[in-house]
Amino acid sequence: MGNNNKAMTRIAPLFALLAGVFWGSEGSFVRVLTDYGMNNITILGTRLLGAVIALLIFILITNKDQIKINPKDIVLFIIIGGIGSVALNFCYNEAINSMTLSLAAVLLDLCPVYMIIIAFFAFHEKITMRKVLCLLMSLCGVFLLTGIGTSKPVWTRWGLVFGILSGICYATYGLISKVATNKGYTSVTLNFYSILFGAIICAPFTDWVKTGAIIGDYGGKAVAVMIFNSLCASLFPYVLFGLSLQYMDAGKAGICTTIEPAAAMFLGFIFFKEVPTPLMLLGMAVVVAALIILNLPEKNQIESASAAEVSGADGEIQGSDDKDAE
């Protein structure tokens, strides 16, 4: 058992990296389904339906208790689903179709930056010099990613609006989700009900007739893209990231997932001929560096963790002494 834990600890960063890659692949599926003729809400509705079925099967196989919630918390999960599964992804899909995949992914992944701003105004949280530095780095990186100096623009006005809105929705989702986790719900339960209520909200607006027509026109290829859209965007990354958190620090796992915008840039280059300029590559590096710095623990958190370790060690020593005395 101990050897298994050591092995899982060694490969946990790989799980987090893969989660980031899967999140970064979402834009590619959206582009393909858009080319097939699907509108935004239909792409989202079919994705969430497939994801909720897959996640339900996963829960029934692994731990059925994770499906249990207090009926009093249903409204909370409806809000989480509306913001985290519907509003976030609707805005992100719009951004994907209005700019490069890399820039859309970066605007979404600036979630920690938006959270700093929201927390400052909503909860009066202090903004440290490190946070200010990361804010400035992020702005510079995004500016470079817009393709400054190139003849062909890589963004649109509405693309930027929806990209920023997707990040704000992500930040809001993260803050509200803390309420659910503080109630003792696991990330799997949280994601399941977020996706479930998101699917319910989208169902009446999803063009199921058009979906059937697309399957009729493109056959198994369209079905495969829809299935992988559900799995790669709404199941695999959450399961892998949750698994990584069992064996590594949350901050380090968060740093690993910053590969997402880089993965989106790579896939945009491979499948959609979105060739980044040197300045755009520099902008990506600056944004990723800012996100990594933001995920690093503050000095006082390190000191608190060290103190806790010392206290824990003292407790173990004291416990041994008491046992010997008996």
C-alpha atoms as a PDB file:
ATOM      1  CA  MET A   1       0.000   0.000   0.000  1.00  0.00           C
ATOM      2  CA  GLY A   2       2.830   2.370   0.922  1.00  0.00           C
ATOM      3  CA  ASN A   3       4.597   1.723  -2.387  1.00  0.00           C
ATOM      4  CA  ASN A   4       1.348   2.406  -4.253  1.00  0.00           C
ATOM      5  CA  ASN A   5       0.987   5.758  -2.488  1.00  0.00           C
ATOM      6  CA  LYS A   6       4.578   6.670  -3.330  1.00  0.00           C
ATOM      7  CA  ALA A   7       3.996   5.772  -6.965  1.00  0.00           C
ATOM      8  CA  MET A   8       0.779   7.805  -7.086  1.00  0.00           C
ATOM      9  CA  THR A   9       2.572  10.763  -5.479  1.00  0.00           C
ATOM     10  CA  ARG A  10       5.217  10.630  -8.212  1.00  0.00           C
ATOM     11  CA  ILE A  11       2.698  10.575 -11.067  1.00  0.00           C
ATOM     12  CA  ALA A  12       0.139  12.959  -9.488  1.00  0.00           C
ATOM     13  CA  PRO A  13       1.639  15.972 -11.358  1.00  0.00           C
ATOM     14  CA  LEU A  14       1.041  14.073 -14.609  1.00  0.00           C
ATOM     15  CA  PHE A  15      -2.675  13.810 -13.748  1.00  0.00           C
ATOM     16  CA  ALA A  16      -2.847  17.572 -13.190  1.00  0.00           C
ATOM     17  CA  LEU A  17      -0.967  18.240 -16.446  1.00  0.00           C
ATOM     18  CA  LEU A  18      -3.340  15.976 -18.365  1.00  0.00           C
ATOM     19  CA  ALA A  19      -6.298  17.773 -16.779  1.00  0.00           C
ATOM     20  CA  GLY A  20      -4.926  21.046 -18.136  1.00  0.00           C
ATOM     21  CA  VAL A  21      -4.429  19.527 -21.598  1.00  0.00           C
ATOM     22  CA  PHE A  22      -8.007  18.216 -21.667  1.00  0.00           C
ATOM     23  CA  TRP A  23      -9.348  21.619 -20.620  1.00  0.00           C
ATOM     24  CA  GLY A  24      -7.245  23.163 -23.367  1.00  0.00           C
ATOM     25  CA  SER A  25      -8.746  20.804 -25.957  1.00  0.00           C
ATOM     26  CA  GLU A  26     -12.291  22.084 -25.436  1.00  0.00           C
ATOM     27  CA  GLY A  27     -11.994  24.827 -28.032  1.00  0.00           C
ATOM     28  CA  SER A  28     -11.101  22.368 -30.802  1.00  0.00           C
ATOM     29  CA  PHE A  29     -14.337  20.423 -30.318  1.00  0.00           C
ATOM     30  CA  VAL A  30     -16.385  23.625 -30.252  1.00  0.00           C
ATOM     31  CA  ARG A  31     -14.838  24.752 -33.538  1.00  0.00           C
ATOM     32  CA  VAL A  32     -15.574  21.416 -35.242  1.00  0.00           C
ATOM     33  CA  LEU A  33     -19.178  21.244 -34.029  1.00  0.00           C
ATOM     34  CA  THR A  34     -19.709  24.868 -35.085  1.00  0.00           C
ATOM     35  CA  ASP A  35     -18.472  23.940 -38.562  1.00  0.00           C
ATOM     36  CA  TYR A  36     -21.015  21.093 -38.568  1.00  0.00           C
ATOM     37  CA  GLY A  37     -23.756  23.679 -38.096  1.00  0.00           C
ATOM     38  CA  MET A  38     -24.431  23.513 -34.345  1.00  0.00           C
ATOM     39  CA  ASN A  39     -25.181  26.738 -32.513  1.00  0.00           C
ATOM     40  CA  ASN A  40     -23.595  27.619 -29.174  1.00  0.00           C
ATOM     41  CA  ILE A  41     -26.397  26.469 -26.861  1.00  0.00           C
ATOM     42  CA  THR A  42     -26.801  23.172 -28.761  1.00  0.00           C
ATOM     43  CA  ILE A  43     -23.087  22.421 -28.448  1.00  0.00           C
ATOM     44  CA  LEU A  44     -23.382  23.134 -24.743  1.00  0.00           C
ATOM     45  CA  GLY A  45     -26.596  21.168 -24.246  1.00  0.00           C
ATOM     46  CA  THR A  46     -25.300  18.019 -25.955  1.00  0.00           C
ATOM     47  CA  ARG A  47     -21.992  18.272 -24.085  1.00  0.00           C
ATOM     48  CA  LEU A  48     -23.638  18.555 -20.678  1.00  0.00           C
ATOM     49  CA  LEU A  49     -26.084  15.715 -21.380  1.00  0.00           C
ATOM     50  CA  GLY A  50     -23.251  13.386 -22.349  1.00  0.00           C
ATOM     51  CA  ALA A  51     -21.131  14.520 -19.405  1.00  0.00           C
ATOM     52  CA  VAL A  52     -23.850  14.017 -16.788  1.00  0.00           C
ATOM     53  CA  ILE A  53     -24.518  10.470 -18.054  1.00  0.00           C
ATOM     54  CA  ALA A  54     -20.793   9.629 -18.023  1.00  0.00           C
ATOM     55  CA  LEU A  55     -20.272  11.166 -14.580  1.00  0.00           C
ATOM     56  CA  LEU A  56     -23.312   9.342 -13.172  1.00  0.00           C
ATOM     57  CA  ILE A  57     -21.860   6.029 -14.372  1.00  0.00           C
ATOM     58  CA  PHE A  58     -18.500   6.959 -12.819  1.00  0.00           C
ATOM     59  CA  ILE A  59     -20.148   7.753  -9.459  1.00  0.00           C
ATOM     60  CA  LEU A  60     -22.216   4.542  -9.444  1.00  0.00           C
ATOM     61  CA  ILE A  61     -19.063   2.502 -10.085  1.00  0.00           C
ATOM     62  CA  THR A  62     -16.752   4.286  -7.618  1.00  0.00           C
ATOM     63  CA  ASN A  63     -18.824   5.682  -4.731  1.00  0.00           C
ATOM     64  CA  LYS A  64     -22.620   5.927  -4.791  1.00  0.00           C
ATOM     65  CA  ASP A  65     -22.622   8.105  -1.668  1.00  0.00           C
ATOM     66  CA  GLN A  66     -21.255  10.999  -3.716  1.00  0.00           C
ATOM     67  CA  ILE A  67     -24.667  11.427  -5.321  1.00  0.00           C
ATOM     68  CA  LYS A  68     -26.307  12.269  -2.000  1.00  0.00           C
ATOM     69  CA  ILE A  69     -27.074  15.904  -1.178  1.00  0.00           C
ATOM     70  CA  ASN A  70     -29.242  17.755   1.310  1.00  0.00           C
ATOM     71  CA  PRO A  71     -32.508  18.815  -0.420  1.00  0.00           C
ATOM     72  CA  LYS A  72     -32.039  22.248   1.172  1.00  0.00           C
ATOM     73  CA  ASP A  73     -28.919  22.721  -0.990  1.00  0.00           C
ATOM     74  CA  ILE A  74     -30.677  22.188  -4.343  1.00  0.00           C
ATOM     75  CA  VAL A  75     -31.037  25.945  -4.937  1.00  0.00           C
ATOM     76  CA  LEU A  76     -27.306  26.368  -4.275  1.00  0.00           C
ATOM     77  CA  PHE A  77     -26.459  23.728  -6.877  1.00  0.00           C
ATOM     78  CA  ILE A  78     -28.870  25.259  -9.396  1.00  0.00           C
ATOM     79  CA  ILE A  79     -27.013  28.571  -9.028  1.00  0.00           C
ATOM     80  CA  ILE A  80     -23.654  26.815  -9.337  1.00  0.00           C
ATOM     81  CA  GLY A  81     -24.857  24.967 -12.438  1.00  0.00           C
ATOM     82  CA  GLY A  82     -26.276  28.114 -13.996  1.00  0.00           C
ATOM     83  CA  ILE A  83     -23.041  30.026 -13.556  1.00  0.00           C
ATOM     84  CA  GLY A  84     -20.417  27.286 -13.778  1.00  0.00           C
ATOM     85  CA  SER A  85     -21.875  25.053 -16.486  1.00  0.00           C
ATOM     86  CA  VAL A  86     -24.102  27.357 -18.538  1.00  0.00           C
ATOM     87  CA  ALA A  87     -22.977  31.005 -18.353  1.00  0.00           C
ATOM     88  CA  LEU A  88     -19.258  30.170 -18.195  1.00  0.00           C
ATOM     89  CA  ASN A  89     -19.291  27.746 -21.119  1.00  0.00           C
ATOM     90  CA  PHE A  90     -21.694  29.801 -23.225  1.00  0.00           C
ATOM     91  CA  CYS A  91     -19.369  32.811 -22.988  1.00  0.00           C
ATOM     92  CA  TYR A  92     -16.282  30.674 -23.559  1.00  0.00           C
ATOM     93  CA  ASN A  93     -17.805  29.060 -26.674  1.00  0.00           C
ATOM     94  CA  GLU A  94     -18.576  32.505 -28.071  1.00  0.00           C
ATOM     95  CA  ALA A  95     -15.008  33.621 -27.385  1.00  0.00           C
ATOM     96  CA  ILE A  96     -13.604  30.487 -29.063  1.00  0.00           C
ATOM     97  CA  ASN A  97     -15.434  31.289 -32.281  1.00  0.00           C
ATOM     98  CA  SER A  98     -14.381  34.956 -32.212  1.00  0.00           C
ATOM     99  CA  MET A  99     -10.612  34.749 -31.605  1.00  0.00           C
ATOM    100  CA  THR A 100      -7.675  32.350 -31.447  1.00  0.00           C
ATOM    101  CA  LEU A 101      -8.026  29.352 -29.154  1.00  0.00           C
ATOM    102  CA  SER A 102      -4.988  30.457 -27.150  1.00  0.00           C
ATOM    103  CA  LEU A 103      -6.329  33.945 -26.403  1.00  0.00           C
ATOM    104  CA  ALA A 104      -9.776  32.579 -25.487  1.00  0.00           C
ATOM    105  CA  ALA A 105      -8.147  30.059 -23.121  1.00  0.00           C
ATOM    106  CA  VAL A 106      -5.955  32.738 -21.538  1.00  0.00           C
ATOM    107  CA  LEU A 107      -8.911  35.068 -20.888  1.00  0.00           C
ATOM    108  CA  LEU A 108     -10.718  32.153 -19.209  1.00  0.00           C
ATOM    109  CA  ASP A 109      -7.664  31.105 -17.224  1.00  0.00           C
ATOM    110  CA  LEU A 110      -7.214  34.607 -15.838  1.00  0.00           C
ATOM    111  CA  CYS A 111      -9.854  33.452 -13.354  1.00  0.00           C
ATOM    112  CA  PRO A 112      -7.458  33.935 -10.375  1.00  0.00           C
ATOM    113  CA  VAL A 113      -6.926  37.545 -11.471  1.00  0.00           C
ATOM    114  CA  TYR A 114     -10.676  38.167 -11.622  1.00  0.00           C
ATOM    115  CA  MET A 115     -11.066  36.486  -8.229  1.00  0.00           C
ATOM    116  CA  ILE A 116      -8.559  38.941  -6.733  1.00  0.00           C
ATOM    117  CA  ILE A 117     -10.583  41.878  -8.026  1.00  0.00           C
ATOM    118  CA  ILE A 118     -13.934  40.393  -6.961  1.00  0.00           C
ATOM    119  CA  ALA A 119     -12.604  39.488  -3.509  1.00  0.00           C
ATOM    120  CA  PHE A 120     -11.221  43.011  -3.089  1.00  0.00           C
ATOM    121  CA  PHE A 121     -14.578  44.688  -3.718  1.00  0.00           C
ATOM    122  CA  ALA A 122     -16.862  41.989  -2.256  1.00  0.00           C
ATOM    123  CA  PHE A 123     -14.843  40.810   0.749  1.00  0.00           C
ATOM    124  CA  HIS A 124     -12.317  43.661   1.166  1.00  0.00           C
ATOM    125  CA  GLU A 125      -9.414  41.240   0.804  1.00  0.00           C
ATOM    126  CA  LYS A 126      -6.005  42.869   0.733  1.00  0.00           C
ATOM    127  CA  ILE A 127      -4.237  43.099  -2.631  1.00  0.00           C
ATOM    128  CA  THR A 128      -0.539  42.384  -2.076  1.00  0.00           C
ATOM    129  CA  MET A 129       2.366  43.590  -4.190  1.00  0.00           C
ATOM    130  CA  ARG A 130       2.698  40.102  -5.632  1.00  0.00           C
ATOM    131  CA  LYS A 131      -0.923  40.179  -6.769  1.00  0.00           C
ATOM    132  CA  VAL A 132      -0.416  43.604  -8.351  1.00  0.00           C
ATOM    133  CA  LEU A 133       2.663  42.276 -10.172  1.00  0.00           C
ATOM    134  CA  CYS A 134       0.682  39.294 -11.472  1.00  0.00           C
ATOM    135  CA  LEU A 135      -2.155  41.562 -12.579  1.00  0.00           C
ATOM    136  CA  LEU A 136       0.266  43.720 -14.576  1.00  0.00           C
ATOM    137  CA  MET A 137       2.019  40.666 -16.035  1.00  0.00           C
ATOM    138  CA  SER A 138      -1.339  39.198 -17.093  1.00  0.00           C
ATOM    139  CA  LEU A 139      -2.400  42.420 -18.809  1.00  0.00           C
ATOM    140  CA  CYS A 140       0.922  42.623 -20.665  1.00  0.00           C
ATOM    141  CA  GLY A 141       0.660  38.978 -21.704  1.00  0.00           C
ATOM    142  CA  VAL A 142      -2.899  39.379 -22.996  1.00  0.00           C
ATOM    143  CA  PHE A 143      -1.848  42.516 -24.904  1.00  0.00           C
ATOM    144  CA  LEU A 144       0.919  40.557 -26.639  1.00  0.00           C
ATOM    145  CA  LEU A 145      -1.462  37.660 -27.361  1.00  0.00           C
ATOM    146  CA  THR A 146      -3.847  39.956 -29.232  1.00  0.00           C
ATOM    147  CA  GLY A 147      -1.381  39.849 -32.119  1.00  0.00           C
ATOM    148  CA  ILE A 148      -0.015  43.370 -31.811  1.00  0.00           C
ATOM    149  CA  GLY A 149       2.077  44.210 -34.869  1.00  0.00           C
ATOM    150  CA  THR A 150       0.432  41.600 -37.116  1.00  0.00           C
ATOM    151  CA  SER A 151      -1.592  42.441 -40.209  1.00  0.00           C
ATOM    152  CA  LYS A 152      -4.347  39.937 -39.393  1.00  0.00           C
ATOM    153  CA  PRO A 153      -6.260  40.508 -36.123  1.00  0.00           C
ATOM    154  CA  VAL A 154      -6.653  37.446 -33.900  1.00  0.00           C
ATOM    155  CA  TRP A 155      -9.540  38.855 -31.856  1.00  0.00           C
ATOM    156  CA  THR A 156     -12.822  40.714 -32.120  1.00  0.00           C
ATOM    157  CA  ARG A 157     -14.484  43.179 -29.772  1.00  0.00           C
ATOM    158  CA  TRP A 158     -17.211  40.703 -28.815  1.00  0.00           C
ATOM    159  CA  GLY A 159     -14.640  37.949 -28.521  1.00  0.00           C
ATOM    160  CA  LEU A 160     -12.795  39.937 -25.864  1.00  0.00           C
ATOM    161  CA  VAL A 161     -16.067  40.735 -24.073  1.00  0.00           C
ATOM    162  CA  PHE A 162     -17.166  37.099 -23.961  1.00  0.00           C
ATOM    163  CA  GLY A 163     -13.647  35.914 -23.092  1.00  0.00           C
ATOM    164  CA  ILE A 164     -13.481  38.242 -20.103  1.00  0.00           C
ATOM    165  CA  LEU A 165     -17.046  37.299 -19.096  1.00  0.00           C
ATOM    166  CA  SER A 166     -16.094  33.603 -19.204  1.00  0.00           C
ATOM    167  CA  GLY A 167     -13.242  34.270 -16.781  1.00  0.00           C
ATOM    168  CA  ILE A 168     -15.493  36.328 -14.484  1.00  0.00           C
ATOM    169  CA  CYS A 169     -18.078  33.505 -14.497  1.00  0.00           C
ATOM    170  CA  TYR A 170     -15.283  31.045 -13.691  1.00  0.00           C
ATOM    171  CA  ALA A 171     -14.121  33.212 -10.789  1.00  0.00           C
ATOM    172  CA  THR A 172     -17.693  33.593  -9.485  1.00  0.00           C
ATOM    173  CA  TYR A 173     -18.224  29.846  -9.845  1.00  0.00           C
ATOM    174  CA  GLY A 174     -15.082  29.232  -7.790  1.00  0.00           C
ATOM    175  CA  LEU A 175     -16.189  31.576  -5.014  1.00  0.00           C
ATOM    176  CA  ILE A 176     -19.721  30.126  -4.833  1.00  0.00           C
ATOM    177  CA  SER A 177     -18.376  26.565  -5.001  1.00  0.00           C
ATOM    178  CA  LYS A 178     -16.542  27.213  -1.735  1.00  0.00           C
ATOM    179  CA  VAL A 179     -19.944  27.364  -0.050  1.00  0.00           C
ATOM    180  CA  ALA A 180     -20.670  23.821  -1.257  1.00  0.00           C
ATOM    181  CA  THR A 181     -17.242  22.452  -0.327  1.00  0.00           C
ATOM    182  CA  ASN A 182     -17.526  24.046   3.113  1.00  0.00           C
ATOM    183  CA  LYS A 183     -20.712  22.011   3.547  1.00  0.00           C
ATOM    184  CA  GLY A 184     -18.638  18.877   3.052  1.00  0.00           C
ATOM    185  CA  TYR A 185     -19.455  18.070  -0.589  1.00  0.00           C
ATOM    186  CA  THR A 186     -16.701  16.483  -2.681  1.00  0.00           C
ATOM    187  CA  SER A 187     -15.550  17.900  -6.011  1.00  0.00           C
ATOM    188  CA  VAL A 188     -17.223  14.969  -7.780  1.00  0.00           C
ATOM    189  CA  THR A 189     -20.594  15.729  -6.169  1.00  0.00           C
ATOM    190  CA  LEU A 190     -20.163  19.418  -6.904  1.00  0.00           C
ATOM    191  CA  ASN A 191     -19.335  18.802 -10.563  1.00  0.00           C
ATOM    192  CA  PHE A 192     -22.119  16.258 -11.027  1.00  0.00           C
ATOM    193  CA  TYR A 193     -24.879  18.548  -9.830  1.00  0.00           C
ATOM    194  CA  SER A 194     -23.385  21.558 -11.564  1.00  0.00           C
ATOM    195  CA  ILE A 195     -23.455  19.655 -14.864  1.00  0.00           C
ATOM    196  CA  LEU A 196     -26.871  18.093 -14.140  1.00  0.00           C
ATOM    197  CA  PHE A 197     -28.623  21.395 -13.487  1.00  0.00           C
ATOM    198  CA  GLY A 198     -26.704  22.979 -16.352  1.00  0.00           C
ATOM    199  CA  ALA A 199     -28.031  20.262 -18.677  1.00  0.00           C
ATOM    200  CA  ILE A 200     -31.574  20.811 -17.387  1.00  0.00           C
ATOM    201  CA  ILE A 201     -31.300  24.571 -17.982  1.00  0.00           C
ATOM    202  CA  CYS A 202     -29.970  24.069 -21.526  1.00  0.00           C
ATOM    203  CA  ALA A 203     -32.338  21.253 -22.580  1.00  0.00           C
ATOM    204  CA  PRO A 204     -35.318  23.439 -23.663  1.00  0.00           C
ATOM    205  CA  PHE A 205     -33.044  25.674 -25.781  1.00  0.00           C
ATOM    206  CA  THR A 206     -31.022  22.883 -27.398  1.00  0.00           C
ATOM    207  CA  ASP A 207     -31.883  22.202 -31.039  1.00  0.00           C
ATOM    208  CA  TRP A 208     -32.282  18.427 -30.827  1.00  0.00           C
ATOM    209  CA  VAL A 209     -33.726  18.252 -34.353  1.00  0.00           C
ATOM    210  CA  LYS A 210     -30.612  19.930 -35.755  1.00  0.00           C
ATOM    211  CA  THR A 211     -28.452  17.577 -33.696  1.00  0.00           C
ATOM    212  CA  GLY A 212     -30.202  14.593 -35.275  1.00  0.00           C
ATOM    213  CA  ALA A 213     -29.756  16.091 -38.732  1.00  0.00           C
ATOM    214  CA  ILE A 214     -26.026  16.611 -38.132  1.00  0.00           C
ATOM    215  CA  ILE A 215     -25.659  12.997 -36.993  1.00  0.00           C
ATOM    216  CA  GLY A 216     -27.522  11.947 -40.144  1.00  0.00           C
ATOM    217  CA  ASP A 217     -25.193  14.015 -42.338  1.00  0.00           C
ATOM    218  CA  TYR A 218     -21.848  13.217 -40.673  1.00  0.00           C
ATOM    219  CA  GLY A 219     -22.644   9.841 -39.093  1.00  0.00           C
ATOM    220  CA  GLY A 220     -20.293   8.311 -36.543  1.00  0.00           C
ATOM    221  CA  LYS A 221     -17.798  11.147 -36.922  1.00  0.00           C
ATOM    222  CA  ALA A 222     -20.270  13.658 -35.471  1.00  0.00           C
ATOM    223  CA  VAL A 223     -21.238  11.267 -32.666  1.00  0.00           C
ATOM    224  CA  ALA A 224     -17.558  10.717 -31.802  1.00  0.00           C
ATOM    225  CA  VAL A 225     -16.861  14.457 -31.681  1.00  0.00           C
ATOM    226  CA  MET A 226     -19.867  15.028 -29.391  1.00  0.00           C
ATOM    227  CA  ILE A 227     -18.850  12.173 -27.086  1.00  0.00           C
ATOM    228  CA  PHE A 228     -15.256  13.363 -26.841  1.00  0.00           C
ATOM    229  CA  ASN A 229     -16.496  16.928 -26.338  1.00  0.00           C
ATOM    230  CA  SER A 230     -18.400  15.713 -23.277  1.00  0.00           C
ATOM    231  CA  LEU A 231     -15.601  13.533 -21.922  1.00  0.00           C
ATOM    232  CA  CYS A 232     -12.620  15.817 -22.589  1.00  0.00           C
ATOM    233  CA  ALA A 233     -14.289  19.063 -21.494  1.00  0.00           C
ATOM    234  CA  SER A 234     -16.521  17.965 -18.620  1.00  0.00           C
ATOM    235  CA  LEU A 235     -15.351  14.602 -17.224  1.00  0.00           C
ATOM    236  CA  PHE A 236     -11.710  13.607 -17.718  1.00  0.00           C
ATOM    237  CA  PRO A 237     -10.130  16.880 -16.520  1.00  0.00           C
ATOM    238  CA  TYR A 238     -12.221  17.075 -13.335  1.00  0.00           C
ATOM    239  CA  VAL A 239     -11.600  13.425 -12.453  1.00  0.00           C
ATOM    240  CA  LEU A 240      -7.862  13.716 -13.146  1.00  0.00           C
ATOM    241  CA  PHE A 241      -7.509  16.993 -11.268  1.00  0.00           C
ATOM    242  CA  GLY A 242      -9.459  15.598  -8.300  1.00  0.00           C
ATOM    243  CA  LEU A 243      -7.215  12.522  -8.317  1.00  0.00           C
ATOM    244  CA  SER A 244      -4.073  14.676  -8.372  1.00  0.00           C
ATOM    245  CA  LEU A 245      -5.301  16.621  -5.325  1.00  0.00           C
ATOM    246  CA  GLN A 246      -5.355  13.391  -3.308  1.00  0.00           C
ATOM    247  CA  TYR A 247      -1.585  13.047  -3.680  1.00  0.00           C
ATOM    248  CA  MET A 248      -0.192  16.570  -4.058  1.00  0.00           C
ATOM    249  CA  ASP A 249      -0.610  20.127  -2.809  1.00  0.00           C
ATOM    250  CA  ALA A 250      -3.490  22.090  -4.364  1.00  0.00           C
ATOM    251  CA  GLY A 251      -1.170  24.983  -5.270  1.00  0.00           C
ATOM    252  CA  LYS A 252       1.230  22.702  -7.135  1.00  0.00           C
ATOM    253  CA  ALA A 253      -1.678  21.003  -8.915  1.00  0.00           C
ATOM    254  CA  GLY A 254      -2.964  24.424  -9.941  1.00  0.00           C
ATOM    255  CA  ILE A 255       0.454  25.304 -11.340  1.00  0.00           C
ATOM    256  CA  CYS A 256       0.434  22.128 -13.446  1.00  0.00           C
ATOM    257  CA  THR A 257      -2.936  23.014 -14.998  1.00  0.00           C
ATOM    258  CA  THR A 258      -1.548  26.320 -16.271  1.00  0.00           C
ATOM    259  CA  ILE A 259      -0.489  24.259 -19.270  1.00  0.00           C
ATOM    260  CA  GLU A 260      -4.102  24.693 -20.520  1.00  0.00           C
ATOM    261  CA  PRO A 261      -3.614  27.864 -22.623  1.00  0.00           C
ATOM    262  CA  ALA A 262      -0.373  26.474 -24.050  1.00  0.00           C
ATOM    263  CA  ALA A 263      -2.228  23.282 -25.018  1.00  0.00           C
ATOM    264  CA  ALA A 264      -4.951  25.397 -26.646  1.00  0.00           C
ATOM    265  CA  MET A 265      -2.292  27.321 -28.597  1.00  0.00           C
ATOM    266  CA  PHE A 266      -0.676  24.074 -29.771  1.00  0.00           C
ATOM    267  CA  LEU A 267      -4.009  22.568 -30.876  1.00  0.00           C
ATOM    268  CA  GLY A 268      -4.954  25.824 -32.612  1.00  0.00           C
ATOM    269  CA  PHE A 269      -1.688  25.647 -34.541  1.00  0.00           C
ATOM    270  CA  ILE A 270      -2.090  21.951 -35.453  1.00  0.00           C
ATOM    271  CA  PHE A 271      -5.761  21.876 -36.441  1.00  0.00           C
ATOM    272  CA  PHE A 272      -6.693  25.447 -37.344  1.00  0.00           C
ATOM    273  CA  LYS A 273      -3.422  26.901 -38.667  1.00  0.00           C
ATOM    274  CA  GLU A 274      -3.310  29.560 -35.928  1.00  0.00           C
ATOM    275  CA  VAL A 275       0.400  30.302 -36.191  1.00  0.00           C
ATOM    276  CA  PRO A 276       1.629  32.287 -33.159  1.00  0.00           C
ATOM    277  CA  THR A 277       4.109  35.123 -33.652  1.00  0.00           C
ATOM    278  CA  PRO A 278       7.185  35.440 -31.394  1.00  0.00           C
ATOM    279  CA  LEU A 279       5.403  38.215 -29.477  1.00  0.00           C
ATOM    280  CA  MET A 280       2.369  35.979 -28.974  1.00  0.00           C
ATOM    281  CA  LEU A 281       4.607  33.191 -27.654  1.00  0.00           C
ATOM    282  CA  LEU A 282       6.190  35.730 -25.296  1.00  0.00           C
ATOM    283  CA  GLY A 283       2.715  36.834 -24.188  1.00  0.00           C
ATOM    284  CA  MET A 284       1.738  33.223 -23.480  1.00  0.00           C
ATOM    285  CA  ALA A 285       4.900  32.735 -21.423  1.00  0.00           C
ATOM    286  CA  VAL A 286       4.218  35.923 -19.427  1.00  0.00           C
ATOM    287  CA  VAL A 287       0.611  34.905 -18.663  1.00  0.00           C
ATOM    288  CA  VAL A 288       1.604  31.370 -17.640  1.00  0.00           C
ATOM    289  CA  ALA A 289       4.363  32.797 -15.418  1.00  0.00           C
ATOM    290  CA  ALA A 290       1.842  35.151 -13.785  1.00  0.00           C
ATOM    291  CA  LEU A 291      -0.566  32.270 -13.116  1.00  0.00           C
ATOM    292  CA  ILE A 292       2.235  30.143 -11.658  1.00  0.00           C
ATOM    293  CA  ILE A 293       3.294  32.970  -9.335  1.00  0.00           C
ATOM    294  CA  LEU A 294      -0.326  33.451  -8.247  1.00  0.00           C
ATOM    295  CA  ASN A 295      -0.588  29.739  -7.402  1.00  0.00           C
ATOM    296  CA  LEU A 296       2.513  29.811  -5.224  1.00  0.00           C
ATOM    297  CA  PRO A 297       1.749  30.013  -1.487  1.00  0.00           C
ATOM    298  CA  GLU A 298       2.153  33.331   0.299  1.00  0.00           C
ATOM    299  CA  LYS A 299       4.990  33.684   2.798  1.00  0.00           C
ATOM    300  CA  ASN A 300       2.609  33.632   5.756  1.00  0.00           C
ATOM    301  CA  GLN A 301       0.993  30.436   4.391  1.00  0.00           C
ATOM    302  CA  ILE A 302       4.410  28.777   4.208  1.00  0.00           C
ATOM    303  CA  GLU A 303       5.177  29.847   7.771  1.00  0.00           C
ATOM    304  CA  SER A 304       1.788  28.554   8.968  1.00  0.00           C
ATOM    305  CA  ALA A 305       2.349  25.237   7.209  1.00  0.00           C
ATOM    306  CA  SER A 306       5.823  24.931   8.753  1.00  0.00           C
ATOM    307  CA  ALA A 307       4.444  25.702  12.199  1.00  0.00           C
ATOM    308  CA  ALA A 308       1.719  23.096  11.714  1.00  0.00           C
ATOM    309  CA  GLU A 309       4.335  20.504  10.733  1.00  0.00           C
ATOM    310  CA  VAL A 310       6.386  21.324  13.834  1.00  0.00           C
ATOM    311  CA  SER A 311       3.280  21.101  16.012  1.00  0.00           C
ATOM    312  CA  GLY A 312       2.382  17.816  14.386  1.00  0.00           C
ATOM    313  CA  ALA A 313       5.875  16.480  15.017  1.00  0.00           C
ATOM    314  CA  ASP A 314       5.734  17.642  18.651  1.00  0.00           C
ATOM    315  CA  GLY A 315       2.364  15.965  19.009  1.00  0.00           C
ATOM    316  CA  GLU A 316       3.746  12.686  17.698  1.00  0.00           C
ATOM    317  CA  ILE A 317       6.700  12.874  20.093  1.00  0.00           C
ATOM    318  CA  GLN A 318       4.427  13.729  22.995  1.00  0.00           C
ATOM    319  CA  GLY A 319       2.105  10.895  22.036  1.00  0.00           C
ATOM    320  CA  SER A 320       5.020   8.446  22.071  1.00  0.00           C
ATOM    321  CA  ASP A 321       6.073   9.666  25.521  1.00  0.00           C
ATOM    322  CA  ASP A 322       2.566   9.178  26.871  1.00  0.00           C
ATOM    323  CA  LYS A 323       2.405   5.695  25.477  1.00  0.00           C
ATOM    324  CA  ASP A 324       5.742   4.821  27.058  1.00  0.00           C
ATOM    325  CA  ALA A 325       4.546   6.177  30.393  1.00  0.00           C
ATOM    326  CA  GLU A 326       1.579   3.872  30.310  1.00  0.00           C
END
